[in-house]
PDB file of N, CA and C in Angstrom:
ATOM      1  N   UNK A   1      79.735  96.754 103.280  1.00  0.00           N
ATOM      2  CA  UNK A   1      80.475  97.948 102.095  1.00  0.00           C
ATOM      3  C   UNK A   1      79.277  98.689 101.225  1.00  0.00           C
ATOM      4  N   UNK A   2      78.337  97.221 100.485  1.00  0.00           N
ATOM      5  CA  UNK A   2      77.666  97.938 100.182  1.00  0.00           C
ATOM      6  C   UNK A   2      76.888  99.180 100.362  1.00  0.00           C
ATOM      7  N   UNK A   3      76.528  99.646 101.540  1.00  0.00           N
ATOM      8  CA  UNK A   3      75.634 100.720 101.962  1.00  0.00           C
ATOM      9  C   UNK A   3      76.717 101.394 101.499  1.00  0.00           C
ATOM     10  N   UNK A   4      78.622 101.799 101.746  1.00  0.00           N
ATOM     11  CA  UNK A   4      79.552 102.408 100.999  1.00  0.00           C
ATOM     12  C   UNK A   4      78.912 103.550  99.214  1.00  0.00           C
ATOM     13  N   UNK A   5      78.457 102.345  99.248  1.00  0.00           N
ATOM     14  CA  UNK A   5      78.573 102.274  97.251  1.00  0.00           C
ATOM     15  C   UNK A   5      77.116 102.984  97.774  1.00  0.00           C
ATOM     16  N   UNK A   6      75.757 103.292  98.036  1.00  0.00           N
ATOM     17  CA  UNK A   6      75.242 103.221  98.163  1.00  0.00           C
ATOM     18  C   UNK A   6      74.389 105.380  98.475  1.00  0.00           C
ATOM     19  N   UNK A   7      75.227 105.133  99.849  1.00  0.00           N
ATOM     20  CA  UNK A   7      75.419 106.683  99.856  1.00  0.00           C
ATOM     21  C   UNK A   7      76.221 107.508  98.960  1.00  0.00           C
ATOM     22  N   UNK A   8      77.091 106.360  98.835  1.00  0.00           N
ATOM     23  CA  UNK A   8      77.562 108.199  97.265  1.00  0.00           C
ATOM     24  C   UNK A   8      76.580 107.129  96.269  1.00  0.00           C
ATOM     25  N   UNK A   9      76.175 106.363  96.257  1.00  0.00           N
ATOM     26  CA  UNK A   9      75.066 106.666  94.800  1.00  0.00           C
ATOM     27  C   UNK A   9      75.967 106.727  93.499  1.00  0.00           C
ATOM     28  N   UNK A  10      76.696 105.673  94.161  1.00  0.00           N
ATOM     29  CA  UNK A  10      77.978 104.640  93.232  1.00  0.00           C
ATOM     30  C   UNK A  10      77.279 103.122  92.359  1.00  0.00           C
ATOM     31  N   UNK A  11      77.937 103.076  91.858  1.00  0.00           N
ATOM     32  CA  UNK A  11      77.719 101.150  91.330  1.00  0.00           C
ATOM     33  C   UNK A  11      79.298 100.807  91.948  1.00  0.00           C
ATOM     34  N   UNK A  12      78.459  99.528  91.929  1.00  0.00           N
ATOM     35  CA  UNK A  12      79.611  98.370  92.340  1.00  0.00           C
ATOM     36  C   UNK A  12      80.962  98.731  91.756  1.00  0.00           C
ATOM     37  N   UNK A  13      80.760  98.733  90.257  1.00  0.00           N
ATOM     38  CA  UNK A  13      81.998  98.537  89.505  1.00  0.00           C
ATOM     39  C   UNK A  13      83.487  99.740  89.749  1.00  0.00           C
ATOM     40  N   UNK A  14      82.802 101.207  90.287  1.00  0.00           N
ATOM     41  CA  UNK A  14      83.119 102.574  90.362  1.00  0.00           C
ATOM     42  C   UNK A  14      84.056 102.157  90.236  1.00  0.00           C
ATOM     43  N   UNK A  15      84.758 103.589  89.498  1.00  0.00           N
ATOM     44  CA  UNK A  15      86.230 103.004  89.487  1.00  0.00           C
ATOM     45  C   UNK A  15      87.347 104.038  90.439  1.00  0.00           C
ATOM     46  N   UNK A  16      88.379 104.379  91.106  1.00  0.00           N
ATOM     47  CA  UNK A  16      88.818 105.353  91.944  1.00  0.00           C
ATOM     48  C   UNK A  16      88.194 106.435  91.648  1.00  0.00           C
ATOM     49  N   UNK A  17      88.701 106.561  90.261  1.00  0.00           N
ATOM     50  CA  UNK A  17      88.888 108.540  90.147  1.00  0.00           C
ATOM     51  C   UNK A  17      87.062 108.848  90.254  1.00  0.00           C
ATOM     52  N   UNK A  18      85.879 107.802  89.933  1.00  0.00           N
ATOM     53  CA  UNK A  18      84.470 108.219  89.530  1.00  0.00           C
ATOM     54  C   UNK A  18      84.869 108.059  91.075  1.00  0.00           C
ATOM     55  N   UNK A  19      84.676 107.761  91.841  1.00  0.00           N
ATOM     56  CA  UNK A  19      84.581 107.572  93.432  1.00  0.00           C
ATOM     57  C   UNK A  19      84.937 108.413  94.244  1.00  0.00           C
ATOM     58  N   UNK A  20      86.464 109.057  94.044  1.00  0.00           N
ATOM     59  CA  UNK A  20      86.035 110.294  94.547  1.00  0.00           C
ATOM     60  C   UNK A  20      85.914 112.023  93.605  1.00  0.00           C
ATOM     61  N   UNK A  21      85.336 111.798  92.311  1.00  0.00           N
ATOM     62  CA  UNK A  21      84.905 112.542  91.991  1.00  0.00           C
ATOM     63  C   UNK A  21      83.879 113.030  92.624  1.00  0.00           C
ATOM     64  N   UNK A  22      82.626 111.410  92.663  1.00  0.00           N
ATOM     65  CA  UNK A  22      81.024 112.040  93.233  1.00  0.00           C
ATOM     66  C   UNK A  22      81.882 112.010  94.803  1.00  0.00           C
ATOM     67  N   UNK A  23      82.478 111.819  95.356  1.00  0.00           N
ATOM     68  CA  UNK A  23      82.806 112.280  96.967  1.00  0.00           C
ATOM     69  C   UNK A  23      82.876 113.786  97.252  1.00  0.00           C
ATOM     70  N   UNK A  24      83.906 114.914  95.422  1.00  0.00           N
ATOM     71  CA  UNK A  24      83.854 116.001  95.705  1.00  0.00           C
ATOM     72  C   UNK A  24      82.057 116.512  95.368  1.00  0.00           C
ATOM     73  N   UNK A  25      81.826 116.431  95.131  1.00  0.00           N
ATOM     74  CA  UNK A  25      80.528 116.321  93.737  1.00  0.00           C
ATOM     75  C   UNK A  25      79.694 116.585  95.258  1.00  0.00           C
ATOM     76  N   UNK A  26      79.541 115.256  95.895  1.00  0.00           N
ATOM     77  CA  UNK A  26      78.823 115.500  97.427  1.00  0.00           C
ATOM     78  C   UNK A  26      78.914 116.395  99.179  1.00  0.00           C
ATOM     79  N   UNK A  27      80.693 116.065  99.260  1.00  0.00           N
ATOM     80  CA  UNK A  27      80.958 117.041  99.695  1.00  0.00           C
ATOM     81  C   UNK A  27      80.402 118.934  99.564  1.00  0.00           C
ATOM     82  N   UNK A  28      80.951 119.470  98.254  1.00  0.00           N
ATOM     83  CA  UNK A  28      80.358 120.794  98.179  1.00  0.00           C
ATOM     84  C   UNK A  28      78.961 120.877  97.930  1.00  0.00           C
ATOM     85  N   UNK A  29      78.326 119.594  98.449  1.00  0.00           N
ATOM     86  CA  UNK A  29      76.829 119.319  98.316  1.00  0.00           C
ATOM     87  C   UNK A  29      75.575 120.211  99.272  1.00  0.00           C
ATOM     88  N   UNK A  30      76.587 119.355 100.533  1.00  0.00           N
ATOM     89  CA  UNK A  30      76.169 118.833 102.048  1.00  0.00           C
ATOM     90  C   UNK A  30      77.483 119.102 102.956  1.00  0.00           C
ATOM     91  N   UNK A  31      77.205 120.256 103.132  1.00  0.00           N
ATOM     92  CA  UNK A  31      78.577 121.309 104.141  1.00  0.00           C
ATOM     93  C   UNK A  31      78.411 120.226 105.387  1.00  0.00           C
ATOM     94  N   UNK A  32      79.486 120.977 106.280  1.00  0.00           N
ATOM     95  CA  UNK A  32      79.742 120.135 107.651  1.00  0.00           C
ATOM     96  C   UNK A  32      79.104 121.113 108.115  1.00  0.00           C
ATOM     97  N   UNK A  33      78.755 122.203 108.212  1.00  0.00           N
ATOM     98  CA  UNK A  33      78.341 123.407 108.937  1.00  0.00           C
ATOM     99  C   UNK A  33      76.702 123.164 108.555  1.00  0.00           C
ATOM    100  N   UNK A  34      76.249 122.892 107.194  1.00  0.00           N
ATOM    101  CA  UNK A  34      74.538 122.705 107.136  1.00  0.00           C
ATOM    102  C   UNK A  34      73.456 121.982 107.623  1.00  0.00           C
ATOM    103  N   UNK A  35      74.929 120.672 107.143  1.00  0.00           N
ATOM    104  CA  UNK A  35      74.450 118.816 107.520  1.00  0.00           C
ATOM    105  C   UNK A  35      75.566 118.198 107.856  1.00  0.00           C
ATOM    106  N   UNK A  36      75.725 118.232 108.933  1.00  0.00           N
ATOM    107  CA  UNK A  36      76.934 117.845 109.556  1.00  0.00           C
ATOM    108  C   UNK A  36      77.040 115.779 109.522  1.00  0.00           C
ATOM    109  N   UNK A  37      75.418 115.100 110.215  1.00  0.00           N
ATOM    110  CA  UNK A  37      74.968 114.420 110.203  1.00  0.00           C
ATOM    111  C   UNK A  37      75.305 113.396 108.736  1.00  0.00           C
ATOM    112  N   UNK A  38      74.930 114.062 107.535  1.00  0.00           N
ATOM    113  CA  UNK A  38      75.106 114.270 106.048  1.00  0.00           C
ATOM    114  C   UNK A  38      76.585 114.116 105.980  1.00  0.00           C
ATOM    115  N   UNK A  39      76.917 114.439 105.827  1.00  0.00           N
ATOM    116  CA  UNK A  39      78.590 115.307 105.606  1.00  0.00           C
ATOM    117  C   UNK A  39      79.294 114.639 105.993  1.00  0.00           C
ATOM    118  N   UNK A  40      79.672 114.014 108.018  1.00  0.00           N
ATOM    119  CA  UNK A  40      79.708 112.661 108.079  1.00  0.00           C
ATOM    120  C   UNK A  40      79.574 111.131 107.551  1.00  0.00           C
ATOM    121  N   UNK A  41      78.753 110.655 107.367  1.00  0.00           N
ATOM    122  CA  UNK A  41      78.176 109.419 106.092  1.00  0.00           C
ATOM    123  C   UNK A  41      78.604 110.013 105.046  1.00  0.00           C
ATOM    124  N   UNK A  42      78.947 110.894 104.354  1.00  0.00           N
ATOM    125  CA  UNK A  42      79.444 110.385 102.998  1.00  0.00           C
ATOM    126  C   UNK A  42      80.952 110.567 103.746  1.00  0.00           C
ATOM    127  N   UNK A  43      81.617 110.871 104.560  1.00  0.00           N
ATOM    128  CA  UNK A  43      82.307 111.184 104.784  1.00  0.00           C
ATOM    129  C   UNK A  43      83.041 109.298 105.402  1.00  0.00           C
ATOM    130  N   UNK A  44      82.864 109.156 105.320  1.00  0.00           N
ATOM    131  CA  UNK A  44      82.695 107.493 106.066  1.00  0.00           C
ATOM    132  C   UNK A  44      82.847 106.496 105.220  1.00  0.00           C
ATOM    133  N   UNK A  45      81.705 106.836 104.371  1.00  0.00           N
ATOM    134  CA  UNK A  45      81.813 105.955 103.181  1.00  0.00           C
ATOM    135  C   UNK A  45      82.995 106.055 102.477  1.00  0.00           C
ATOM    136  N   UNK A  46      83.024 107.221 101.562  1.00  0.00           N
ATOM    137  CA  UNK A  46      84.362 107.956 100.648  1.00  0.00           C
ATOM    138  C   UNK A  46      85.542 106.508 101.964  1.00  0.00           C
ATOM    139  N   UNK A  47      85.554 107.319 102.765  1.00  0.00           N
ATOM    140  CA  UNK A  47      87.026 106.062 102.955  1.00  0.00           C
ATOM    141  C   UNK A  47      87.219 104.987 103.309  1.00  0.00           C
ATOM    142  N   UNK A  48      86.095 104.570 103.343  1.00  0.00           N
ATOM    143  CA  UNK A  48      85.989 102.793 103.694  1.00  0.00           C
ATOM    144  C   UNK A  48      85.672 103.025 101.859  1.00  0.00           C
ATOM    145  N   UNK A  49      86.049 103.213 101.001  1.00  0.00           N
ATOM    146  CA  UNK A  49      86.381 103.296  99.980  1.00  0.00           C
ATOM    147  C   UNK A  49      87.240 103.008  98.559  1.00  0.00           C
ATOM    148  N   UNK A  50      87.323 104.688  99.017  1.00  0.00           N
ATOM    149  CA  UNK A  50      88.187 105.268  98.250  1.00  0.00           C
ATOM    150  C   UNK A  50      89.204 104.883  97.221  1.00  0.00           C
ATOM    151  N   UNK A  51      90.000 104.235  97.408  1.00  0.00           N
ATOM    152  CA  UNK A  51      90.473 103.060  97.099  1.00  0.00           C
ATOM    153  C   UNK A  51      90.714 101.330  97.237  1.00  0.00           C
ATOM    154  N   UNK A  52      91.925 100.857  96.091  1.00  0.00           N
ATOM    155  CA  UNK A  52      91.144  98.985  96.774  1.00  0.00           C
ATOM    156  C   UNK A  52      92.387  98.953  97.594  1.00  0.00           C
ATOM    157  N   UNK A  53      93.138  98.980  98.741  1.00  0.00           N
ATOM    158  CA  UNK A  53      93.771  98.890  99.834  1.00  0.00           C
ATOM    159  C   UNK A  53      91.799  99.115 100.652  1.00  0.00           C
ATOM    160  N   UNK A  54      91.585 100.413 100.938  1.00  0.00           N
ATOM    161  CA  UNK A  54      90.288 100.624 101.784  1.00  0.00           C
ATOM    162  C   UNK A  54      89.258  99.468 101.934  1.00  0.00           C
ATOM    163  N   UNK A  55      89.087  99.012 100.086  1.00  0.00           N
ATOM    164  CA  UNK A  55      87.818  97.762 100.493  1.00  0.00           C
ATOM    165  C   UNK A  55      88.433  96.894 100.215  1.00  0.00           C
ATOM    166  N   UNK A  56      89.316  96.352 100.615  1.00  0.00           N
ATOM    167  CA  UNK A  56      89.926  95.392 101.182  1.00  0.00           C
ATOM    168  C   UNK A  56      90.277  95.353 102.465  1.00  0.00           C
ATOM    169  N   UNK A  57      90.099  95.918 103.168  1.00  0.00           N
ATOM    170  CA  UNK A  57      90.576  96.417 104.768  1.00  0.00           C
ATOM    171  C   UNK A  57      88.566  96.228 104.683  1.00  0.00           C
ATOM    172  N   UNK A  58      88.087  97.298 104.671  1.00  0.00           N
ATOM    173  CA  UNK A  58      86.699  96.766 104.904  1.00  0.00           C
ATOM    174  C   UNK A  58      86.044  95.136 104.917  1.00  0.00           C
ATOM    175  N   UNK A  59      86.084  95.028 103.591  1.00  0.00           N
ATOM    176  CA  UNK A  59      85.740  93.795 102.727  1.00  0.00           C
ATOM    177  C   UNK A  59      86.206  93.193 103.886  1.00  0.00           C
ATOM    178  N   UNK A  60      87.368  92.984 104.761  1.00  0.00           N
ATOM    179  CA  UNK A  60      88.061  91.817 105.047  1.00  0.00           C
ATOM    180  C   UNK A  60      87.483  92.157 106.624  1.00  0.00           C
ATOM    181  N   UNK A  61      87.642  93.295 107.265  1.00  0.00           N
ATOM    182  CA  UNK A  61      87.348  93.184 109.024  1.00  0.00           C
ATOM    183  C   UNK A  61      85.582  94.251 109.218  1.00  0.00           C
ATOM    184  N   UNK A  62      84.769  94.008 107.750  1.00  0.00           N
ATOM    185  CA  UNK A  62      83.540  94.509 108.188  1.00  0.00           C
ATOM    186  C   UNK A  62      83.263  93.531 108.960  1.00  0.00           C
ATOM    187  N   UNK A  63      82.953  91.919 109.048  1.00  0.00           N
ATOM    188  CA  UNK A  63      82.480  90.415 109.642  1.00  0.00           C
ATOM    189  C   UNK A  63      83.234  90.868 111.015  1.00  0.00           C
ATOM    190  N   UNK A  64      84.141  91.371 111.549  1.00  0.00           N
ATOM    191  CA  UNK A  64      84.865  91.536 112.464  1.00  0.00           C
ATOM    192  C   UNK A  64      84.053  92.980 113.485  1.00  0.00           C
ATOM    193  N   UNK A  65      83.367  93.529 113.072  1.00  0.00           N
ATOM    194  CA  UNK A  65      82.889  94.916 113.528  1.00  0.00           C
ATOM    195  C   UNK A  65      81.627  93.841 113.503  1.00  0.00           C
ATOM    196  N   UNK A  66      80.621  93.496 113.094  1.00  0.00           N
ATOM    197  CA  UNK A  66      79.960  93.132 113.445  1.00  0.00           C
ATOM    198  C   UNK A  66      79.843  92.635 115.042  1.00  0.00           C
ATOM    199  N   UNK A  67      81.043  91.031 114.398  1.00  0.00           N
ATOM    200  CA  UNK A  67      81.564  90.434 116.262  1.00  0.00           C
ATOM    201  C   UNK A  67      81.054  90.763 118.049  1.00  0.00           C
ATOM    202  N   UNK A  68      80.529  90.655 118.429  1.00  0.00           N
ATOM    203  CA  UNK A  68      81.025  90.381 120.452  1.00  0.00           C
ATOM    204  C   UNK A  68      82.302  90.746 120.061  1.00  0.00           C
ATOM    205  N   UNK A  69      83.566  91.760 120.873  1.00  0.00           N
ATOM    206  CA  UNK A  69      84.187  91.538 121.468  1.00  0.00           C
ATOM    207  C   UNK A  69      85.326  90.649 121.979  1.00  0.00           C
ATOM    208  N   UNK A  70      84.576  89.679 122.790  1.00  0.00           N
ATOM    209  CA  UNK A  70      85.123  88.424 123.064  1.00  0.00           C
ATOM    210  C   UNK A  70      84.985  87.279 121.520  1.00  0.00           C
ATOM    211  N   UNK A  71      84.165  87.755 120.897  1.00  0.00           N
ATOM    212  CA  UNK A  71      84.361  86.694 119.651  1.00  0.00           C
ATOM    213  C   UNK A  71      85.498  86.831 119.043  1.00  0.00           C
ATOM    214  N   UNK A  72      85.557  88.214 118.656  1.00  0.00           N
ATOM    215  CA  UNK A  72      86.334  89.158 117.822  1.00  0.00           C
ATOM    216  C   UNK A  72      87.473  88.919 118.694  1.00  0.00           C
ATOM    217  N   UNK A  73      88.326  88.485 119.840  1.00  0.00           N
ATOM    218  CA  UNK A  73      89.501  88.698 120.731  1.00  0.00           C
ATOM    219  C   UNK A  73      90.104  87.232 120.075  1.00  0.00           C
ATOM    220  N   UNK A  74      88.800  86.133 120.315  1.00  0.00           N
ATOM    221  CA  UNK A  74      88.768  84.841 120.105  1.00  0.00           C
ATOM    222  C   UNK A  74      89.486  83.961 119.010  1.00  0.00           C
ATOM    223  N   UNK A  75      88.643  84.999 117.528  1.00  0.00           N
ATOM    224  CA  UNK A  75      88.992  84.949 116.013  1.00  0.00           C
ATOM    225  C   UNK A  75      90.857  85.067 115.885  1.00  0.00           C
ATOM    226  N   UNK A  76      90.731  86.213 116.823  1.00  0.00           N
ATOM    227  CA  UNK A  76      92.148  86.604 116.246  1.00  0.00           C
ATOM    228  C   UNK A  76      92.853  85.893 116.725  1.00  0.00           C
ATOM    229  N   UNK A  77      92.739  85.383 118.210  1.00  0.00           N
ATOM    230  CA  UNK A  77      94.206  84.123 119.289  1.00  0.00           C
ATOM    231  C   UNK A  77      94.156  83.675 118.014  1.00  0.00           C
ATOM    232  N   UNK A  78      93.173  82.706 117.612  1.00  0.00           N
ATOM    233  CA  UNK A  78      93.329  81.667 116.281  1.00  0.00           C
ATOM    234  C   UNK A  78      94.415  81.779 115.369  1.00  0.00           C
ATOM    235  N   UNK A  79      93.360  82.669 115.026  1.00  0.00           N
ATOM    236  CA  UNK A  79      94.075  83.359 113.684  1.00  0.00           C
ATOM    237  C   UNK A  79      96.219  83.756 113.908  1.00  0.00           C
ATOM    238  N   UNK A  80      96.307  83.693 115.639  1.00  0.00           N
ATOM    239  CA  UNK A  80      97.631  84.211 115.430  1.00  0.00           C
ATOM    240  C   UNK A  80      98.276  83.015 115.575  1.00  0.00           C
ATOM    241  N   UNK A  81      97.701  81.979 116.897  1.00  0.00           N
ATOM    242  CA  UNK A  81      98.387  80.701 116.680  1.00  0.00           C
ATOM    243  C   UNK A  81      98.305  79.970 115.391  1.00  0.00           C
ATOM    244  N   UNK A  82      97.395  80.207 114.595  1.00  0.00           N
ATOM    245  CA  UNK A  82      98.094  78.756 113.578  1.00  0.00           C
ATOM    246  C   UNK A  82      98.866  79.638 112.736  1.00  0.00           C
ATOM    247  N   UNK A  83      99.011  81.412 112.550  1.00  0.00           N
ATOM    248  CA  UNK A  83      99.929  81.584 111.715  1.00  0.00           C
ATOM    249  C   UNK A  83     101.959  81.400 111.942  1.00  0.00           C
ATOM    250  N   UNK A  84     101.656  81.440 113.750  1.00  0.00           N
ATOM    251  CA  UNK A  84     102.535  81.758 114.692  1.00  0.00           C
ATOM    252  C   UNK A  84     103.269  79.895 115.053  1.00  0.00           C
ATOM    253  N   UNK A  85     102.825  79.116 114.663  1.00  0.00           N
ATOM    254  CA  UNK A  85     102.935  78.389 114.701  1.00  0.00           C
ATOM    255  C   UNK A  85     103.564  77.664 113.597  1.00  0.00           C
ATOM    256  N   UNK A  86     105.107  76.847 114.310  1.00  0.00           N
ATOM    257  CA  UNK A  86     106.270  76.506 113.762  1.00  0.00           C
ATOM    258  C   UNK A  86     106.193  74.749 112.923  1.00  0.00           C
ATOM    259  N   UNK A  87     106.290  75.259 111.889  1.00  0.00           N
ATOM    260  CA  UNK A  87     106.463  73.541 110.480  1.00  0.00           C
ATOM    261  C   UNK A  87     107.781  72.569 111.105  1.00  0.00           C
ATOM    262  N   UNK A  88     106.911  71.213 110.859  1.00  0.00           N
ATOM    263  CA  UNK A  88     107.777  70.557 111.491  1.00  0.00           C
ATOM    264  C   UNK A  88     109.051  70.148 110.966  1.00  0.00           C
ATOM    265  N   UNK A  89     110.325  69.680 111.040  1.00  0.00           N
ATOM    266  CA  UNK A  89     111.413  69.168 109.691  1.00  0.00           C
ATOM    267  C   UNK A  89     110.437  68.612 108.188  1.00  0.00           C
ATOM    268  N   UNK A  90     109.949  67.684 109.357  1.00  0.00           N
ATOM    269  CA  UNK A  90     109.451  66.743 107.674  1.00  0.00           C
ATOM    270  C   UNK A  90     107.706  67.837 106.522  1.00  0.00           C
ATOM    271  N   UNK A  91     108.055  68.503 107.031  1.00  0.00           N
ATOM    272  CA  UNK A  91     106.733  69.672 106.155  1.00  0.00           C
ATOM    273  C   UNK A  91     107.887  70.298 106.054  1.00  0.00           C
ATOM    274  N   UNK A  92     108.608  70.888 105.473  1.00  0.00           N
ATOM    275  CA  UNK A  92     109.816  72.126 105.418  1.00  0.00           C
ATOM    276  C   UNK A  92     110.309  71.146 103.730  1.00  0.00           C
ATOM    277  N   UNK A  93     111.087  69.924 104.897  1.00  0.00           N
ATOM    278  CA  UNK A  93     111.318  69.137 103.495  1.00  0.00           C
ATOM    279  C   UNK A  93     110.574  68.591 102.257  1.00  0.00           C
ATOM    280  N   UNK A  94     108.736  68.353 102.567  1.00  0.00           N
ATOM    281  CA  UNK A  94     107.581  68.513 101.641  1.00  0.00           C
ATOM    282  C   UNK A  94     107.420  69.246 101.541  1.00  0.00           C
ATOM    283  N   UNK A  95     108.096  70.555 101.946  1.00  0.00           N
ATOM    284  CA  UNK A  95     107.760  71.956 100.660  1.00  0.00           C
ATOM    285  C   UNK A  95     108.481  72.425 100.613  1.00  0.00           C
ATOM    286  N   UNK A  96     110.142  71.596 100.160  1.00  0.00           N
ATOM    287  CA  UNK A  96     111.117  71.955  98.832  1.00  0.00           C
ATOM    288  C   UNK A  96     111.151  71.488  98.256  1.00  0.00           C
ATOM    289  N   UNK A  97     109.972  69.776  97.970  1.00  0.00           N
ATOM    290  CA  UNK A  97     110.025  68.159  97.090  1.00  0.00           C
ATOM    291  C   UNK A  97     108.885  69.549  96.145  1.00  0.00           C
TER     292      UNK A  97
END
């Protein structure tokens, strides 16, 4: 996620408005016709941090992107197993007390 801020030339505490303003400035300066690679890098960076939801998704899933596919699937499967676990009667009674 830090790379996205560096590509756009922003500080980590930049607001949504500052991020959008900087993105629009860079897109005007680096058009897709003249510098397609730079334009793509700028757009990718912007998409990953353009709003709070995007920043949260980028932060949460960036670790999974760096894993091997099999490791990623194992991690997701473990999470799903934990999430689908049915609580026992004693756990339910403890939760309401």
